Amino acid sequence: LVAQPKEVRRGNPISVSWTSIGLSADSPCVLRADSTVIAEGNTGTKTVPTTGATRLGSMIFTLKCTTPSGTTFQRTAAVMVR
């Protein structure tokens, strides 16, 4: 899970990309920005817009995946919004 740039001014977009190897398409990974689901899938790239209303501070992206055996794991990445 990679979120770029690491620091962004409000009004500029954030690019989030991720990939998962060996995971089932029947149970795709879920990508959240803070608590909001923004994408699903085991591989992808998502452009996340920011606006003047976007909260300042750290925006946390969380990718939660489930393995074929049912084990879940997650990865996080943060971008500072200024």
PDB file of N, CA and C in Angstrom:
ATOM      1  N   LEU A   1       0.856  -1.180   0.000  1.00  0.00           N
ATOM      2  CA  LEU A   1       0.000   0.000   0.000  1.00  0.00           C
ATOM      3  C   LEU A   1       0.896   1.235   0.000  1.00  0.00           C
ATOM      4  N   VAL A   2       0.713   2.073  -1.004  1.00  0.00           N
ATOM      5  CA  VAL A   2       1.524   3.283  -1.139  1.00  0.00           C
ATOM      6  C   VAL A   2       0.597   4.468  -1.382  1.00  0.00           C
ATOM      7  N   ALA A   3       0.758   5.516  -0.591  1.00  0.00           N
ATOM      8  CA  ALA A   3      -0.002   6.752  -0.774  1.00  0.00           C
ATOM      9  C   ALA A   3       0.976   7.883  -1.039  1.00  0.00           C
ATOM     10  N   GLN A   4       0.732   8.628  -2.119  1.00  0.00           N
ATOM     11  CA  GLN A   4       1.637   9.713  -2.498  1.00  0.00           C
ATOM     12  C   GLN A   4       0.853  10.946  -2.921  1.00  0.00           C
ATOM     13  N   PRO A   5       1.384  12.132  -2.715  1.00  0.00           N
ATOM     14  CA  PRO A   5       2.630  12.410  -1.991  1.00  0.00           C
ATOM     15  C   PRO A   5       2.433  12.223  -0.490  1.00  0.00           C
ATOM     16  N   LYS A   6       3.488  12.290   0.265  1.00  0.00           N
ATOM     17  CA  LYS A   6       3.388  12.114   1.710  1.00  0.00           C
ATOM     18  C   LYS A   6       2.794  13.348   2.383  1.00  0.00           C
ATOM     19  N   GLU A   7       2.855  14.474   1.675  1.00  0.00           N
ATOM     20  CA  GLU A   7       2.266  15.706   2.178  1.00  0.00           C
ATOM     21  C   GLU A   7       1.589  16.420   1.024  1.00  0.00           C
ATOM     22  N   VAL A   8       0.374  16.918   1.249  1.00  0.00           N
ATOM     23  CA  VAL A   8      -0.387  17.538   0.166  1.00  0.00           C
ATOM     24  C   VAL A   8      -1.142  18.753   0.701  1.00  0.00           C
ATOM     25  N   ARG A   9      -1.273  19.746  -0.139  1.00  0.00           N
ATOM     26  CA  ARG A   9      -2.096  20.899   0.221  1.00  0.00           C
ATOM     27  C   ARG A   9      -3.537  20.615  -0.194  1.00  0.00           C
ATOM     28  N   ARG A  10      -4.463  21.098   0.614  1.00  0.00           N
ATOM     29  CA  ARG A  10      -5.879  20.912   0.262  1.00  0.00           C
ATOM     30  C   ARG A  10      -6.153  21.415  -1.148  1.00  0.00           C
ATOM     31  N   GLY A  11      -6.920  20.642  -1.888  1.00  0.00           N
ATOM     32  CA  GLY A  11      -7.219  20.982  -3.274  1.00  0.00           C
ATOM     33  C   GLY A  11      -6.432  20.139  -4.259  1.00  0.00           C
ATOM     34  N   ASN A  12      -5.362  19.506  -3.779  1.00  0.00           N
ATOM     35  CA  ASN A  12      -4.556  18.632  -4.631  1.00  0.00           C
ATOM     36  C   ASN A  12      -4.898  17.166  -4.347  1.00  0.00           C
ATOM     37  N   PRO A  13      -4.796  16.314  -5.365  1.00  0.00           N
ATOM     38  CA  PRO A  13      -5.180  14.907  -5.177  1.00  0.00           C
ATOM     39  C   PRO A  13      -4.095  14.059  -4.526  1.00  0.00           C
ATOM     40  N   ILE A  14      -4.538  12.940  -3.987  1.00  0.00           N
ATOM     41  CA  ILE A  14      -3.650  11.921  -3.423  1.00  0.00           C
ATOM     42  C   ILE A  14      -3.803  10.663  -4.264  1.00  0.00           C
ATOM     43  N   SER A  15      -2.693  10.029  -4.592  1.00  0.00           N
ATOM     44  CA  SER A  15      -2.720   8.777  -5.351  1.00  0.00           C
ATOM     45  C   SER A  15      -2.415   7.618  -4.404  1.00  0.00           C
ATOM     46  N   VAL A  16      -3.315   6.638  -4.381  1.00  0.00           N
ATOM     47  CA  VAL A  16      -3.139   5.465  -3.526  1.00  0.00           C
ATOM     48  C   VAL A  16      -3.103   4.229  -4.419  1.00  0.00           C
ATOM     49  N   SER A  17      -2.074   3.421  -4.278  1.00  0.00           N
ATOM     50  CA  SER A  17      -1.982   2.193  -5.069  1.00  0.00           C
ATOM     51  C   SER A  17      -1.674   1.017  -4.146  1.00  0.00           C
ATOM     52  N   TRP A  18      -2.155  -0.159  -4.546  1.00  0.00           N
ATOM     53  CA  TRP A  18      -1.958  -1.343  -3.719  1.00  0.00           C
ATOM     54  C   TRP A  18      -1.971  -2.590  -4.582  1.00  0.00           C
ATOM     55  N   THR A  19      -1.380  -3.648  -4.054  1.00  0.00           N
ATOM     56  CA  THR A  19      -1.403  -4.942  -4.717  1.00  0.00           C
ATOM     57  C   THR A  19      -1.302  -6.034  -3.657  1.00  0.00           C
ATOM     58  N   SER A  20      -1.973  -7.130  -3.903  1.00  0.00           N
ATOM     59  CA  SER A  20      -1.972  -8.271  -2.988  1.00  0.00           C
ATOM     60  C   SER A  20      -1.750  -9.528  -3.809  1.00  0.00           C
ATOM     61  N   ILE A  21      -0.880 -10.388  -3.351  1.00  0.00           N
ATOM     62  CA  ILE A  21      -0.547 -11.605  -4.076  1.00  0.00           C
ATOM     63  C   ILE A  21      -1.197 -12.811  -3.393  1.00  0.00           C
ATOM     64  N   GLY A  22      -1.832 -13.662  -4.177  1.00  0.00           N
ATOM     65  CA  GLY A  22      -2.358 -14.913  -3.660  1.00  0.00           C
ATOM     66  C   GLY A  22      -3.636 -14.803  -2.867  1.00  0.00           C
ATOM     67  N   LEU A  23      -4.336 -13.690  -3.000  1.00  0.00           N
ATOM     68  CA  LEU A  23      -5.596 -13.539  -2.277  1.00  0.00           C
ATOM     69  C   LEU A  23      -6.777 -13.845  -3.194  1.00  0.00           C
ATOM     70  N   SER A  24      -7.877 -14.261  -2.589  1.00  0.00           N
ATOM     71  CA  SER A  24      -9.039 -14.681  -3.360  1.00  0.00           C
ATOM     72  C   SER A  24      -9.807 -13.486  -3.909  1.00  0.00           C
ATOM     73  N   ALA A  25     -10.210 -13.579  -5.164  1.00  0.00           N
ATOM     74  CA  ALA A  25     -11.059 -12.542  -5.761  1.00  0.00           C
ATOM     75  C   ALA A  25     -12.457 -12.574  -5.169  1.00  0.00           C
ATOM     76  N   ASP A  26     -12.817 -13.693  -4.531  1.00  0.00           N
ATOM     77  CA  ASP A  26     -14.136 -13.809  -3.907  1.00  0.00           C
ATOM     78  C   ASP A  26     -14.247 -12.947  -2.657  1.00  0.00           C
ATOM     79  N   SER A  27     -13.110 -12.590  -2.094  1.00  0.00           N
ATOM     80  CA  SER A  27     -13.087 -11.765  -0.888  1.00  0.00           C
ATOM     81  C   SER A  27     -12.068 -10.656  -1.084  1.00  0.00           C
ATOM     82  N   PRO A  28     -12.427  -9.640  -1.868  1.00  0.00           N
ATOM     83  CA  PRO A  28     -11.441  -8.613  -2.227  1.00  0.00           C
ATOM     84  C   PRO A  28     -11.030  -7.750  -1.036  1.00  0.00           C
ATOM     85  N   CYS A  29      -9.850  -7.179  -1.162  1.00  0.00           N
ATOM     86  CA  CYS A  29      -9.374  -6.227  -0.161  1.00  0.00           C
ATOM     87  C   CYS A  29     -10.274  -4.994  -0.172  1.00  0.00           C
ATOM     88  N   VAL A  30     -10.340  -4.333   0.982  1.00  0.00           N
ATOM     89  CA  VAL A  30     -11.137  -3.113   1.125  1.00  0.00           C
ATOM     90  C   VAL A  30     -10.195  -1.973   1.518  1.00  0.00           C
ATOM     91  N   LEU A  31     -10.264  -0.885   0.760  1.00  0.00           N
ATOM     92  CA  LEU A  31      -9.438   0.291   1.028  1.00  0.00           C
ATOM     93  C   LEU A  31     -10.308   1.382   1.636  1.00  0.00           C
ATOM     94  N   ARG A  32      -9.834   1.906   2.772  1.00  0.00           N
ATOM     95  CA  ARG A  32     -10.557   3.000   3.432  1.00  0.00           C
ATOM     96  C   ARG A  32      -9.665   4.226   3.531  1.00  0.00           C
ATOM     97  N   ALA A  33     -10.298   5.391   3.430  1.00  0.00           N
ATOM     98  CA  ALA A  33      -9.652   6.661   3.754  1.00  0.00           C
ATOM     99  C   ALA A  33     -10.279   7.102   5.061  1.00  0.00           C
ATOM    100  N   ASP A  34      -9.492   7.110   6.133  1.00  0.00           N
ATOM    101  CA  ASP A  34     -10.024   7.255   7.485  1.00  0.00           C
ATOM    102  C   ASP A  34     -11.063   6.141   7.677  1.00  0.00           C
ATOM    103  N   SER A  35     -12.333   6.430   7.844  1.00  0.00           N
ATOM    104  CA  SER A  35     -13.308   5.355   8.057  1.00  0.00           C
ATOM    105  C   SER A  35     -14.184   5.095   6.830  1.00  0.00           C
ATOM    106  N   THR A  36     -13.943   5.817   5.742  1.00  0.00           N
ATOM    107  CA  THR A  36     -14.790   5.713   4.552  1.00  0.00           C
ATOM    108  C   THR A  36     -14.205   4.732   3.535  1.00  0.00           C
ATOM    109  N   VAL A  37     -15.018   3.772   3.094  1.00  0.00           N
ATOM    110  CA  VAL A  37     -14.585   2.838   2.054  1.00  0.00           C
ATOM    111  C   VAL A  37     -14.496   3.585   0.729  1.00  0.00           C
ATOM    112  N   ILE A  38     -13.323   3.517   0.079  1.00  0.00           N
ATOM    113  CA  ILE A  38     -13.146   4.234  -1.185  1.00  0.00           C
ATOM    114  C   ILE A  38     -12.870   3.297  -2.356  1.00  0.00           C
ATOM    115  N   ALA A  39     -12.546   2.027  -2.072  1.00  0.00           N
ATOM    116  CA  ALA A  39     -12.284   1.087  -3.170  1.00  0.00           C
ATOM    117  C   ALA A  39     -12.264  -0.340  -2.630  1.00  0.00           C
ATOM    118  N   GLU A  40     -12.489  -1.283  -3.554  1.00  0.00           N
ATOM    119  CA  GLU A  40     -12.362  -2.701  -3.243  1.00  0.00           C
ATOM    120  C   GLU A  40     -11.599  -3.370  -4.371  1.00  0.00           C
ATOM    121  N   GLY A  41     -10.853  -4.399  -4.053  1.00  0.00           N
ATOM    122  CA  GLY A  41     -10.103  -5.120  -5.065  1.00  0.00           C
ATOM    123  C   GLY A  41      -8.733  -5.497  -4.537  1.00  0.00           C
ATOM    124  N   ASN A  42      -8.144  -6.518  -5.124  1.00  0.00           N
ATOM    125  CA  ASN A  42      -6.850  -6.996  -4.652  1.00  0.00           C
ATOM    126  C   ASN A  42      -5.675  -6.253  -5.271  1.00  0.00           C
ATOM    127  N   THR A  43      -5.945  -5.495  -6.320  1.00  0.00           N
ATOM    128  CA  THR A  43      -4.934  -4.645  -6.949  1.00  0.00           C
ATOM    129  C   THR A  43      -5.632  -3.406  -7.483  1.00  0.00           C
ATOM    130  N   GLY A  44      -4.990  -2.271  -7.377  1.00  0.00           N
ATOM    131  CA  GLY A  44      -5.612  -1.089  -7.955  1.00  0.00           C
ATOM    132  C   GLY A  44      -4.857   0.187  -7.649  1.00  0.00           C
ATOM    133  N   THR A  45      -5.373   1.248  -8.248  1.00  0.00           N
ATOM    134  CA  THR A  45      -4.886   2.602  -8.002  1.00  0.00           C
ATOM    135  C   THR A  45      -6.101   3.490  -7.877  1.00  0.00           C
ATOM    136  N   LYS A  46      -6.081   4.357  -6.896  1.00  0.00           N
ATOM    137  CA  LYS A  46      -7.215   5.247  -6.654  1.00  0.00           C
ATOM    138  C   LYS A  46      -6.699   6.663  -6.470  1.00  0.00           C
ATOM    139  N   THR A  47      -7.320   7.593  -7.185  1.00  0.00           N
ATOM    140  CA  THR A  47      -7.007   9.006  -6.988  1.00  0.00           C
ATOM    141  C   THR A  47      -8.038   9.584  -6.032  1.00  0.00           C
ATOM    142  N   VAL A  48      -7.563  10.121  -4.932  1.00  0.00           N
ATOM    143  CA  VAL A  48      -8.438  10.648  -3.894  1.00  0.00           C
ATOM    144  C   VAL A  48      -8.358  12.170  -3.922  1.00  0.00           C
ATOM    145  N   PRO A  49      -9.463  12.845  -4.259  1.00  0.00           N
ATOM    146  CA  PRO A  49      -9.418  14.310  -4.300  1.00  0.00           C
ATOM    147  C   PRO A  49      -9.452  14.900  -2.897  1.00  0.00           C
ATOM    148  N   THR A  50      -8.886  16.070  -2.738  1.00  0.00           N
ATOM    149  CA  THR A  50      -9.056  16.843  -1.511  1.00  0.00           C
ATOM    150  C   THR A  50      -9.667  18.177  -1.897  1.00  0.00           C
ATOM    151  N   THR A  51     -10.395  18.766  -0.968  1.00  0.00           N
ATOM    152  CA  THR A  51     -11.052  20.056  -1.217  1.00  0.00           C
ATOM    153  C   THR A  51     -10.773  20.984  -0.040  1.00  0.00           C
ATOM    154  N   GLY A  52     -11.304  22.168  -0.128  1.00  0.00           N
ATOM    155  CA  GLY A  52     -11.162  23.105   0.974  1.00  0.00           C
ATOM    156  C   GLY A  52     -11.834  22.620   2.243  1.00  0.00           C
ATOM    157  N   ALA A  53     -12.739  21.638   2.092  1.00  0.00           N
ATOM    158  CA  ALA A  53     -13.443  21.089   3.260  1.00  0.00           C
ATOM    159  C   ALA A  53     -12.726  19.888   3.867  1.00  0.00           C
ATOM    160  N   THR A  54     -11.679  19.406   3.210  1.00  0.00           N
ATOM    161  CA  THR A  54     -10.949  18.253   3.729  1.00  0.00           C
ATOM    162  C   THR A  54     -10.280  18.609   5.056  1.00  0.00           C
ATOM    163  N   ARG A  55     -10.417  17.720   6.018  1.00  0.00           N
ATOM    164  CA  ARG A  55      -9.852  17.963   7.339  1.00  0.00           C
ATOM    165  C   ARG A  55      -8.327  18.042   7.264  1.00  0.00           C
ATOM    166  N   LEU A  56      -7.774  19.053   7.933  1.00  0.00           N
ATOM    167  CA  LEU A  56      -6.321  19.182   7.994  1.00  0.00           C
ATOM    168  C   LEU A  56      -5.748  18.120   8.926  1.00  0.00           C
ATOM    169  N   GLY A  57      -4.525  17.724   8.648  1.00  0.00           N
ATOM    170  CA  GLY A  57      -3.870  16.732   9.483  1.00  0.00           C
ATOM    171  C   GLY A  57      -3.647  15.439   8.721  1.00  0.00           C
ATOM    172  N   SER A  58      -3.423  14.378   9.456  1.00  0.00           N
ATOM    173  CA  SER A  58      -3.063  13.105   8.854  1.00  0.00           C
ATOM    174  C   SER A  58      -4.297  12.371   8.328  1.00  0.00           C
ATOM    175  N   MET A  59      -4.281  12.027   7.038  1.00  0.00           N
ATOM    176  CA  MET A  59      -5.317  11.181   6.460  1.00  0.00           C
ATOM    177  C   MET A  59      -4.752   9.766   6.389  1.00  0.00           C
ATOM    178  N   ILE A  60      -5.442   8.836   7.024  1.00  0.00           N
ATOM    179  CA  ILE A  60      -4.958   7.469   7.129  1.00  0.00           C
ATOM    180  C   ILE A  60      -5.684   6.573   6.124  1.00  0.00           C
ATOM    181  N   PHE A  61      -4.913   5.887   5.299  1.00  0.00           N
ATOM    182  CA  PHE A  61      -5.460   4.910   4.363  1.00  0.00           C
ATOM    183  C   PHE A  61      -5.194   3.517   4.923  1.00  0.00           C
ATOM    184  N   THR A  62      -6.225   2.690   4.946  1.00  0.00           N
ATOM    185  CA  THR A  62      -6.114   1.344   5.489  1.00  0.00           C
ATOM    186  C   THR A  62      -6.590   0.335   4.456  1.00  0.00           C
ATOM    187  N   LEU A  63      -5.757  -0.641   4.182  1.00  0.00           N
ATOM    188  CA  LEU A  63      -6.102  -1.728   3.268  1.00  0.00           C
ATOM    189  C   LEU A  63      -6.271  -2.987   4.103  1.00  0.00           C
ATOM    190  N   LYS A  64      -7.486  -3.546   4.091  1.00  0.00           N
ATOM    191  CA  LYS A  64      -7.775  -4.751   4.861  1.00  0.00           C
ATOM    192  C   LYS A  64      -8.074  -5.888   3.895  1.00  0.00           C
ATOM    193  N   CYS A  65      -7.356  -6.996   4.056  1.00  0.00           N
ATOM    194  CA  CYS A  65      -7.474  -8.137   3.152  1.00  0.00           C
ATOM    195  C   CYS A  65      -7.728  -9.423   3.943  1.00  0.00           C
ATOM    196  N   THR A  66      -8.331 -10.394   3.256  1.00  0.00           N
ATOM    197  CA  THR A  66      -8.582 -11.699   3.854  1.00  0.00           C
ATOM    198  C   THR A  66      -7.937 -12.768   2.988  1.00  0.00           C
ATOM    199  N   THR A  67      -7.156 -13.644   3.602  1.00  0.00           N
ATOM    200  CA  THR A  67      -6.495 -14.716   2.866  1.00  0.00           C
ATOM    201  C   THR A  67      -7.495 -15.838   2.586  1.00  0.00           C
ATOM    202  N   PRO A  68      -7.169 -16.748   1.660  1.00  0.00           N
ATOM    203  CA  PRO A  68      -8.075 -17.874   1.375  1.00  0.00           C
ATOM    204  C   PRO A  68      -8.389 -18.720   2.613  1.00  0.00           C
ATOM    205  N   SER A  69      -7.497 -18.735   3.588  1.00  0.00           N
ATOM    206  CA  SER A  69      -7.742 -19.520   4.801  1.00  0.00           C
ATOM    207  C   SER A  69      -8.596 -18.769   5.820  1.00  0.00           C
ATOM    208  N   GLY A  70      -8.926 -17.499   5.503  1.00  0.00           N
ATOM    209  CA  GLY A  70      -9.791 -16.720   6.386  1.00  0.00           C
ATOM    210  C   GLY A  70      -9.067 -15.767   7.317  1.00  0.00           C
ATOM    211  N   THR A  71      -7.752 -15.731   7.244  1.00  0.00           N
ATOM    212  CA  THR A  71      -6.986 -14.801   8.076  1.00  0.00           C
ATOM    213  C   THR A  71      -7.061 -13.396   7.488  1.00  0.00           C
ATOM    214  N   THR A  72      -7.296 -12.419   8.342  1.00  0.00           N
ATOM    215  CA  THR A  72      -7.332 -11.038   7.862  1.00  0.00           C
ATOM    216  C   THR A  72      -6.057 -10.316   8.287  1.00  0.00           C
ATOM    217  N   PHE A  73      -5.657  -9.364   7.453  1.00  0.00           N
ATOM    218  CA  PHE A  73      -4.521  -8.508   7.803  1.00  0.00           C
ATOM    219  C   PHE A  73      -4.758  -7.145   7.198  1.00  0.00           C
ATOM    220  N   GLN A  74      -4.072  -6.160   7.708  1.00  0.00           N
ATOM    221  CA  GLN A  74      -4.227  -4.827   7.151  1.00  0.00           C
ATOM    222  C   GLN A  74      -2.906  -4.085   7.119  1.00  0.00           C
ATOM    223  N   ARG A  75      -2.842  -3.134   6.202  1.00  0.00           N
ATOM    224  CA  ARG A  75      -1.684  -2.260   6.055  1.00  0.00           C
ATOM    225  C   ARG A  75      -2.206  -0.820   6.064  1.00  0.00           C
ATOM    226  N   THR A  76      -1.377   0.076   6.536  1.00  0.00           N
ATOM    227  CA  THR A  76      -1.781   1.482   6.570  1.00  0.00           C
ATOM    228  C   THR A  76      -0.730   2.367   5.930  1.00  0.00           C
ATOM    229  N   ALA A  77      -1.183   3.510   5.454  1.00  0.00           N
ATOM    230  CA  ALA A  77      -0.308   4.549   4.916  1.00  0.00           C
ATOM    231  C   ALA A  77      -0.933   5.893   5.273  1.00  0.00           C
ATOM    232  N   ALA A  78      -0.115   6.876   5.498  1.00  0.00           N
ATOM    233  CA  ALA A  78      -0.628   8.181   5.926  1.00  0.00           C
ATOM    234  C   ALA A  78      -0.139   9.288   4.996  1.00  0.00           C
ATOM    235  N   VAL A  79      -0.992  10.280   4.810  1.00  0.00           N
ATOM    236  CA  VAL A  79      -0.651  11.490   4.067  1.00  0.00           C
ATOM    237  C   VAL A  79      -1.031  12.678   4.939  1.00  0.00           C
ATOM    238  N   MET A  80      -0.133  13.636   5.030  1.00  0.00           N
ATOM    239  CA  MET A  80      -0.410  14.842   5.798  1.00  0.00           C
ATOM    240  C   MET A  80      -1.085  15.876   4.907  1.00  0.00           C
ATOM    241  N   VAL A  81      -2.280  16.318   5.300  1.00  0.00           N
ATOM    242  CA  VAL A  81      -3.024  17.327   4.538  1.00  0.00           C
ATOM    243  C   VAL A  81      -2.812  18.668   5.228  1.00  0.00           C
ATOM    244  N   ARG A  82      -2.330  19.641   4.447  1.00  0.00           N
ATOM    245  CA  ARG A  82      -2.047  20.978   5.010  1.00  0.00           C
ATOM    246  C   ARG A  82      -2.857  22.056   4.312  1.00  0.00           C
TER     247      ARG A  82
END
